[in-house]
Amino acid sequence: MATVCVFCAASDDIAQHYLDAAAEVGSELARRGHDLVTGGGSVSSMGAVARAARSAGARTVGVIPEALLQYEVADTGADEMVVTTDMRVRKAIMDERSEAFVALPGGIGTLEELLEVWVARTLGLHDKPVVVIDPDGVFAPLRAQADLLLERGFMRADAMTAVTWVDTAVEAFDALDAQWAAGPPTTRRPTTAEVLESEP
């Protein structure tokens, strides 16, 4: 059993099939015997994944900044709700409480969360699996941008392999199982110059 952090949408304007995909992740997560960490909201994909996970027997933890309580509407059904002072603390707690990260289609907040754990894994700051579920190409431009960065020399090849891209919840958890079974990655740690270059 592991604790899996899911990054996903908090927008009420998205199509139903994205909510269905989030619910499938919650159900599959519980079926595999894992616990869930989310951003603590009850709306959109965030709420859908948490409700489905609990319905199937998983323990859920929500982590939400105080300032977003009124917008994302706290998931009062969570087994544990952590209210933080700001977004940075929120992400730090979500990272610390998780053994893996799964990203679903979402907005710029989801992109920020995904990129942060992607960069950290590339730099050797953690060895937790990072998996993106992209059933209909929402993240295709991001993948194309990464390909371009690699081609132009701005990105190392091992950064591309730090993330696994899949289409479904079942494929995502199969990928997690495979990575956990294989053990920590054997990619080299970055040099000090590479770390400094990656700083904003």
C-alpha atoms as a PDB file:
ATOM      1  CA  MET A   1       0.000   0.000   0.000  1.00  0.00           C
ATOM      2  CA  ALA A   2       1.220   3.498  -0.836  1.00  0.00           C
ATOM      3  CA  THR A   3      -0.061   7.051  -0.660  1.00  0.00           C
ATOM      4  CA  VAL A   4      -0.581   8.569  -4.098  1.00  0.00           C
ATOM      5  CA  CYS A   5      -0.944  12.292  -4.717  1.00  0.00           C
ATOM      6  CA  VAL A   6      -3.284  13.227  -7.560  1.00  0.00           C
ATOM      7  CA  PHE A   7      -3.000  16.629  -9.244  1.00  0.00           C
ATOM      8  CA  CYS A   8      -6.138  17.605 -11.168  1.00  0.00           C
ATOM      9  CA  ALA A   9      -8.667  20.278 -12.073  1.00  0.00           C
ATOM     10  CA  ALA A  10     -10.708  22.475  -9.764  1.00  0.00           C
ATOM     11  CA  SER A  11     -12.691  24.104 -12.587  1.00  0.00           C
ATOM     12  CA  ASP A  12     -16.432  23.577 -12.877  1.00  0.00           C
ATOM     13  CA  ASP A  13     -16.330  24.399 -16.588  1.00  0.00           C
ATOM     14  CA  ILE A  14     -14.745  21.160 -17.821  1.00  0.00           C
ATOM     15  CA  ALA A  15     -16.506  18.353 -19.680  1.00  0.00           C
ATOM     16  CA  GLN A  16     -18.030  15.391 -17.853  1.00  0.00           C
ATOM     17  CA  HIS A  17     -15.577  12.877 -19.291  1.00  0.00           C
ATOM     18  CA  TYR A  18     -12.761  14.529 -17.321  1.00  0.00           C
ATOM     19  CA  LEU A  19     -14.736  14.037 -14.116  1.00  0.00           C
ATOM     20  CA  ASP A  20     -15.364  10.432 -15.112  1.00  0.00           C
ATOM     21  CA  ALA A  21     -11.632   9.932 -15.675  1.00  0.00           C
ATOM     22  CA  ALA A  22     -10.898  11.370 -12.233  1.00  0.00           C
ATOM     23  CA  ALA A  23     -13.431   9.030 -10.654  1.00  0.00           C
ATOM     24  CA  GLU A  24     -11.795   6.085 -12.423  1.00  0.00           C
ATOM     25  CA  VAL A  25      -8.470   7.080 -10.870  1.00  0.00           C
ATOM     26  CA  GLY A  26     -10.024   7.189  -7.403  1.00  0.00           C
ATOM     27  CA  SER A  27     -11.671   3.807  -7.835  1.00  0.00           C
ATOM     28  CA  GLU A  28      -8.544   2.162  -9.260  1.00  0.00           C
ATOM     29  CA  LEU A  29      -6.379   3.672  -6.525  1.00  0.00           C
ATOM     30  CA  ALA A  30      -8.623   2.150  -3.869  1.00  0.00           C
ATOM     31  CA  ARG A  31      -8.811  -1.181  -5.691  1.00  0.00           C
ATOM     32  CA  ARG A  32      -5.008  -1.385  -5.550  1.00  0.00           C
ATOM     33  CA  GLY A  33      -5.098  -0.690  -1.807  1.00  0.00           C
ATOM     34  CA  HIS A  34      -3.577   2.803  -1.855  1.00  0.00           C
ATOM     35  CA  ASP A  35      -4.393   6.014   0.025  1.00  0.00           C
ATOM     36  CA  LEU A  36      -5.024   9.360  -1.664  1.00  0.00           C
ATOM     37  CA  VAL A  37      -3.677  12.882  -1.214  1.00  0.00           C
ATOM     38  CA  THR A  38      -5.376  15.741  -3.059  1.00  0.00           C
ATOM     39  CA  GLY A  39      -5.478  19.515  -2.970  1.00  0.00           C
ATOM     40  CA  GLY A  40      -8.398  19.294  -0.562  1.00  0.00           C
ATOM     41  CA  GLY A  41     -11.186  20.675  -2.747  1.00  0.00           C
ATOM     42  CA  SER A  42     -14.592  19.089  -3.264  1.00  0.00           C
ATOM     43  CA  VAL A  43     -15.229  20.541  -6.726  1.00  0.00           C
ATOM     44  CA  SER A  44     -14.487  19.322 -10.247  1.00  0.00           C
ATOM     45  CA  SER A  45     -11.941  16.526 -10.756  1.00  0.00           C
ATOM     46  CA  MET A  46     -10.506  17.052  -7.287  1.00  0.00           C
ATOM     47  CA  GLY A  47     -13.810  16.192  -5.673  1.00  0.00           C
ATOM     48  CA  ALA A  48     -14.545  13.375  -8.108  1.00  0.00           C
ATOM     49  CA  VAL A  49     -11.299  11.524  -7.444  1.00  0.00           C
ATOM     50  CA  ALA A  50     -11.649  11.837  -3.669  1.00  0.00           C
ATOM     51  CA  ARG A  51     -15.284  10.720  -3.534  1.00  0.00           C
ATOM     52  CA  ALA A  52     -14.619   7.726  -5.771  1.00  0.00           C
ATOM     53  CA  ALA A  53     -11.589   6.723  -3.722  1.00  0.00           C
ATOM     54  CA  ARG A  54     -13.531   6.863  -0.455  1.00  0.00           C
ATOM     55  CA  SER A  55     -16.492   5.023  -1.938  1.00  0.00           C
ATOM     56  CA  ALA A  56     -14.141   2.178  -2.856  1.00  0.00           C
ATOM     57  CA  GLY A  57     -12.530   2.104   0.604  1.00  0.00           C
ATOM     58  CA  ALA A  58      -9.457   4.313   0.336  1.00  0.00           C
ATOM     59  CA  ARG A  59      -8.326   6.777   2.978  1.00  0.00           C
ATOM     60  CA  THR A  60      -8.210  10.342   1.652  1.00  0.00           C
ATOM     61  CA  VAL A  61      -6.190  13.336   2.811  1.00  0.00           C
ATOM     62  CA  GLY A  62      -6.916  16.862   1.588  1.00  0.00           C
ATOM     63  CA  VAL A  63      -4.426  19.730   1.785  1.00  0.00           C
ATOM     64  CA  ILE A  64      -5.837  23.175   1.057  1.00  0.00           C
ATOM     65  CA  PRO A  65      -4.659  26.753   1.648  1.00  0.00           C
ATOM     66  CA  GLU A  66      -6.927  28.848   3.844  1.00  0.00           C
ATOM     67  CA  ALA A  67      -7.336  31.422   1.070  1.00  0.00           C
ATOM     68  CA  LEU A  68      -8.844  28.811  -1.284  1.00  0.00           C
ATOM     69  CA  LEU A  69     -11.427  27.398   1.101  1.00  0.00           C
ATOM     70  CA  GLN A  70     -14.184  29.537  -0.392  1.00  0.00           C
ATOM     71  CA  TYR A  71     -13.217  28.813  -4.017  1.00  0.00           C
ATOM     72  CA  GLU A  72     -12.384  25.126  -4.059  1.00  0.00           C
ATOM     73  CA  VAL A  73     -14.864  24.305  -1.247  1.00  0.00           C
ATOM     74  CA  ALA A  74     -13.077  22.064   1.235  1.00  0.00           C
ATOM     75  CA  ASP A  75     -13.658  18.333   0.928  1.00  0.00           C
ATOM     76  CA  THR A  76     -15.402  17.866   4.261  1.00  0.00           C
ATOM     77  CA  GLY A  77     -15.668  14.131   3.626  1.00  0.00           C
ATOM     78  CA  ALA A  78     -11.882  13.690   3.723  1.00  0.00           C
ATOM     79  CA  ASP A  79     -10.503  11.411   6.420  1.00  0.00           C
ATOM     80  CA  GLU A  80      -7.973  14.127   7.171  1.00  0.00           C
ATOM     81  CA  MET A  81      -8.065  17.775   6.132  1.00  0.00           C
ATOM     82  CA  VAL A  82      -4.961  19.951   6.427  1.00  0.00           C
ATOM     83  CA  VAL A  83      -5.469  23.720   6.076  1.00  0.00           C
ATOM     84  CA  THR A  84      -2.240  25.560   5.234  1.00  0.00           C
ATOM     85  CA  THR A  85      -1.172  29.189   5.272  1.00  0.00           C
ATOM     86  CA  ASP A  86      -0.250  29.328   1.586  1.00  0.00           C
ATOM     87  CA  MET A  87       0.306  27.396  -1.639  1.00  0.00           C
ATOM     88  CA  ARG A  88       3.977  26.669  -1.008  1.00  0.00           C
ATOM     89  CA  VAL A  89       3.211  24.948   2.275  1.00  0.00           C
ATOM     90  CA  ARG A  90       0.344  23.082   0.628  1.00  0.00           C
ATOM     91  CA  LYS A  91       2.600  21.620  -2.058  1.00  0.00           C
ATOM     92  CA  ALA A  92       5.337  20.766   0.434  1.00  0.00           C
ATOM     93  CA  ILE A  93       2.899  18.788   2.587  1.00  0.00           C
ATOM     94  CA  MET A  94       1.389  17.025  -0.431  1.00  0.00           C
ATOM     95  CA  ASP A  95       4.893  16.046  -1.556  1.00  0.00           C
ATOM     96  CA  GLU A  96       5.959  14.836   1.883  1.00  0.00           C
ATOM     97  CA  ARG A  97       2.829  12.738   2.392  1.00  0.00           C
ATOM     98  CA  SER A  98       3.077  10.926  -0.960  1.00  0.00           C
ATOM     99  CA  GLU A  99       5.038   8.035  -2.485  1.00  0.00           C
ATOM    100  CA  ALA A 100       3.976   8.826  -6.060  1.00  0.00           C
ATOM    101  CA  PHE A 101       2.372  11.545  -8.154  1.00  0.00           C
ATOM    102  CA  VAL A 102      -0.363  11.192 -10.765  1.00  0.00           C
ATOM    103  CA  ALA A 103      -1.503  14.147 -12.857  1.00  0.00           C
ATOM    104  CA  LEU A 104      -4.833  14.368 -14.654  1.00  0.00           C
ATOM    105  CA  PRO A 105      -5.830  17.091 -17.124  1.00  0.00           C
ATOM    106  CA  GLY A 106      -6.027  20.416 -15.325  1.00  0.00           C
ATOM    107  CA  GLY A 107      -5.221  24.100 -15.482  1.00  0.00           C
ATOM    108  CA  ILE A 108      -2.117  26.124 -14.701  1.00  0.00           C
ATOM    109  CA  GLY A 109      -2.204  25.005 -11.070  1.00  0.00           C
ATOM    110  CA  THR A 110      -2.002  21.384 -12.164  1.00  0.00           C
ATOM    111  CA  LEU A 111       0.782  22.265 -14.597  1.00  0.00           C
ATOM    112  CA  GLU A 112       2.720  23.996 -11.824  1.00  0.00           C
ATOM    113  CA  GLU A 113       2.392  20.984  -9.522  1.00  0.00           C
ATOM    114  CA  LEU A 114       3.362  18.560 -12.271  1.00  0.00           C
ATOM    115  CA  LEU A 115       6.381  20.573 -13.386  1.00  0.00           C
ATOM    116  CA  GLU A 116       7.622  20.991  -9.824  1.00  0.00           C
ATOM    117  CA  VAL A 117       7.705  17.254  -9.081  1.00  0.00           C
ATOM    118  CA  TRP A 118       9.040  16.551 -12.593  1.00  0.00           C
ATOM    119  CA  VAL A 119      11.964  18.942 -12.105  1.00  0.00           C
ATOM    120  CA  ALA A 120      12.650  17.639  -8.599  1.00  0.00           C
ATOM    121  CA  ARG A 121      12.799  14.053  -9.843  1.00  0.00           C
ATOM    122  CA  THR A 122      15.060  15.062 -12.730  1.00  0.00           C
ATOM    123  CA  LEU A 123      17.416  16.749 -10.260  1.00  0.00           C
ATOM    124  CA  GLY A 124      17.518  13.682  -8.046  1.00  0.00           C
ATOM    125  CA  LEU A 125      15.698  15.421  -5.180  1.00  0.00           C
ATOM    126  CA  HIS A 126      13.222  12.538  -4.989  1.00  0.00           C
ATOM    127  CA  ASP A 127      12.788   9.131  -6.636  1.00  0.00           C
ATOM    128  CA  LYS A 128       8.992   8.963  -6.513  1.00  0.00           C
ATOM    129  CA  PRO A 129       7.203   7.941  -9.731  1.00  0.00           C
ATOM    130  CA  VAL A 130       5.502  10.688 -11.736  1.00  0.00           C
ATOM    131  CA  VAL A 131       2.723   9.573 -14.087  1.00  0.00           C
ATOM    132  CA  VAL A 132       0.503  11.702 -16.331  1.00  0.00           C
ATOM    133  CA  ILE A 133      -2.883  10.431 -17.509  1.00  0.00           C
ATOM    134  CA  ASP A 134      -3.802  12.217 -20.737  1.00  0.00           C
ATOM    135  CA  PRO A 135      -6.765  10.500 -22.381  1.00  0.00           C
ATOM    136  CA  ASP A 136      -7.388  13.064 -25.126  1.00  0.00           C
ATOM    137  CA  GLY A 137      -4.248  15.104 -25.671  1.00  0.00           C
ATOM    138  CA  VAL A 138      -4.619  18.015 -23.233  1.00  0.00           C
ATOM    139  CA  PHE A 139      -0.923  17.676 -22.398  1.00  0.00           C
ATOM    140  CA  ALA A 140       0.221  17.096 -26.002  1.00  0.00           C
ATOM    141  CA  PRO A 141       1.571  20.674 -26.342  1.00  0.00           C
ATOM    142  CA  LEU A 142       3.546  20.209 -23.114  1.00  0.00           C
ATOM    143  CA  ARG A 143       5.120  17.030 -24.463  1.00  0.00           C
ATOM    144  CA  ALA A 144       5.910  18.803 -27.722  1.00  0.00           C
ATOM    145  CA  GLN A 145       7.525  21.653 -25.789  1.00  0.00           C
ATOM    146  CA  ALA A 146       9.646  19.183 -23.826  1.00  0.00           C
ATOM    147  CA  ASP A 147      10.708  17.515 -27.082  1.00  0.00           C
ATOM    148  CA  LEU A 148      11.767  20.910 -28.438  1.00  0.00           C
ATOM    149  CA  LEU A 149      13.709  21.734 -25.268  1.00  0.00           C
ATOM    150  CA  LEU A 150      15.518  18.404 -25.567  1.00  0.00           C
ATOM    151  CA  GLU A 151      16.250  18.982 -29.254  1.00  0.00           C
ATOM    152  CA  ARG A 152      17.681  22.456 -28.579  1.00  0.00           C
ATOM    153  CA  GLY A 153      19.808  21.285 -25.673  1.00  0.00           C
ATOM    154  CA  PHE A 154      17.865  22.954 -22.865  1.00  0.00           C
ATOM    155  CA  MET A 155      16.805  19.632 -21.353  1.00  0.00           C
ATOM    156  CA  ARG A 156      18.621  16.384 -20.625  1.00  0.00           C
ATOM    157  CA  ALA A 157      17.405  13.081 -22.043  1.00  0.00           C
ATOM    158  CA  ASP A 158      16.854  11.619 -18.585  1.00  0.00           C
ATOM    159  CA  ALA A 159      14.378  14.422 -17.858  1.00  0.00           C
ATOM    160  CA  MET A 160      12.140  12.986 -20.574  1.00  0.00           C
ATOM    161  CA  THR A 161      12.114   9.579 -18.911  1.00  0.00           C
ATOM    162  CA  ALA A 162      11.355  11.028 -15.468  1.00  0.00           C
ATOM    163  CA  VAL A 163       7.658  11.144 -16.389  1.00  0.00           C
ATOM    164  CA  THR A 164       5.490   8.290 -17.667  1.00  0.00           C
ATOM    165  CA  TRP A 165       2.621   9.229 -20.004  1.00  0.00           C
ATOM    166  CA  VAL A 166      -0.478   7.003 -20.187  1.00  0.00           C
ATOM    167  CA  ASP A 167      -4.105   7.153 -21.333  1.00  0.00           C
ATOM    168  CA  THR A 168      -6.027   5.423 -18.539  1.00  0.00           C
ATOM    169  CA  ALA A 169      -6.174   4.919 -14.784  1.00  0.00           C
ATOM    170  CA  VAL A 170      -5.345   1.213 -15.095  1.00  0.00           C
ATOM    171  CA  GLU A 171      -2.239   2.019 -17.172  1.00  0.00           C
ATOM    172  CA  ALA A 172      -1.215   4.628 -14.601  1.00  0.00           C
ATOM    173  CA  PHE A 173      -1.300   2.230 -11.673  1.00  0.00           C
ATOM    174  CA  ASP A 174       0.342  -0.514 -13.709  1.00  0.00           C
ATOM    175  CA  ALA A 175       3.153   1.977 -14.376  1.00  0.00           C
ATOM    176  CA  LEU A 176       3.425   2.811 -10.677  1.00  0.00           C
ATOM    177  CA  ASP A 177       3.576  -0.867  -9.748  1.00  0.00           C
ATOM    178  CA  ALA A 178       6.302  -1.456 -12.329  1.00  0.00           C
ATOM    179  CA  GLN A 179       8.397   1.467 -11.121  1.00  0.00           C
ATOM    180  CA  TRP A 180       8.052   0.503  -7.466  1.00  0.00           C
ATOM    181  CA  ALA A 181       9.051  -3.073  -8.324  1.00  0.00           C
ATOM    182  CA  ALA A 182      12.104  -1.856 -10.256  1.00  0.00           C
ATOM    183  CA  GLY A 183      13.393   0.232  -7.367  1.00  0.00           C
ATOM    184  CA  PRO A 184      14.940   3.725  -7.457  1.00  0.00           C
ATOM    185  CA  PRO A 185      16.064   5.100 -10.830  1.00  0.00           C
ATOM    186  CA  THR A 186      19.709   4.761 -11.794  1.00  0.00           C
ATOM    187  CA  THR A 187      19.996   8.111 -13.567  1.00  0.00           C
ATOM    188  CA  ARG A 188      22.993  10.220 -12.614  1.00  0.00           C
ATOM    189  CA  ARG A 189      22.644  13.080 -10.152  1.00  0.00           C
ATOM    190  CA  PRO A 190      22.992  16.537 -11.726  1.00  0.00           C
ATOM    191  CA  THR A 191      26.107  18.627 -11.330  1.00  0.00           C
ATOM    192  CA  THR A 192      26.048  21.785  -9.202  1.00  0.00           C
ATOM    193  CA  ALA A 193      26.103  23.859 -12.390  1.00  0.00           C
ATOM    194  CA  GLU A 194      23.009  22.062 -13.697  1.00  0.00           C
ATOM    195  CA  VAL A 195      21.153  22.604 -10.431  1.00  0.00           C
ATOM    196  CA  LEU A 196      22.009  26.317 -10.398  1.00  0.00           C
ATOM    197  CA  GLU A 197      21.010  26.659 -14.040  1.00  0.00           C
ATOM    198  CA  SER A 198      17.581  25.181 -13.276  1.00  0.00           C
ATOM    199  CA  GLU A 199      16.896  27.764 -10.555  1.00  0.00           C
ATOM    200  CA  PRO A 200      14.452  30.536 -11.551  1.00  0.00           C
END
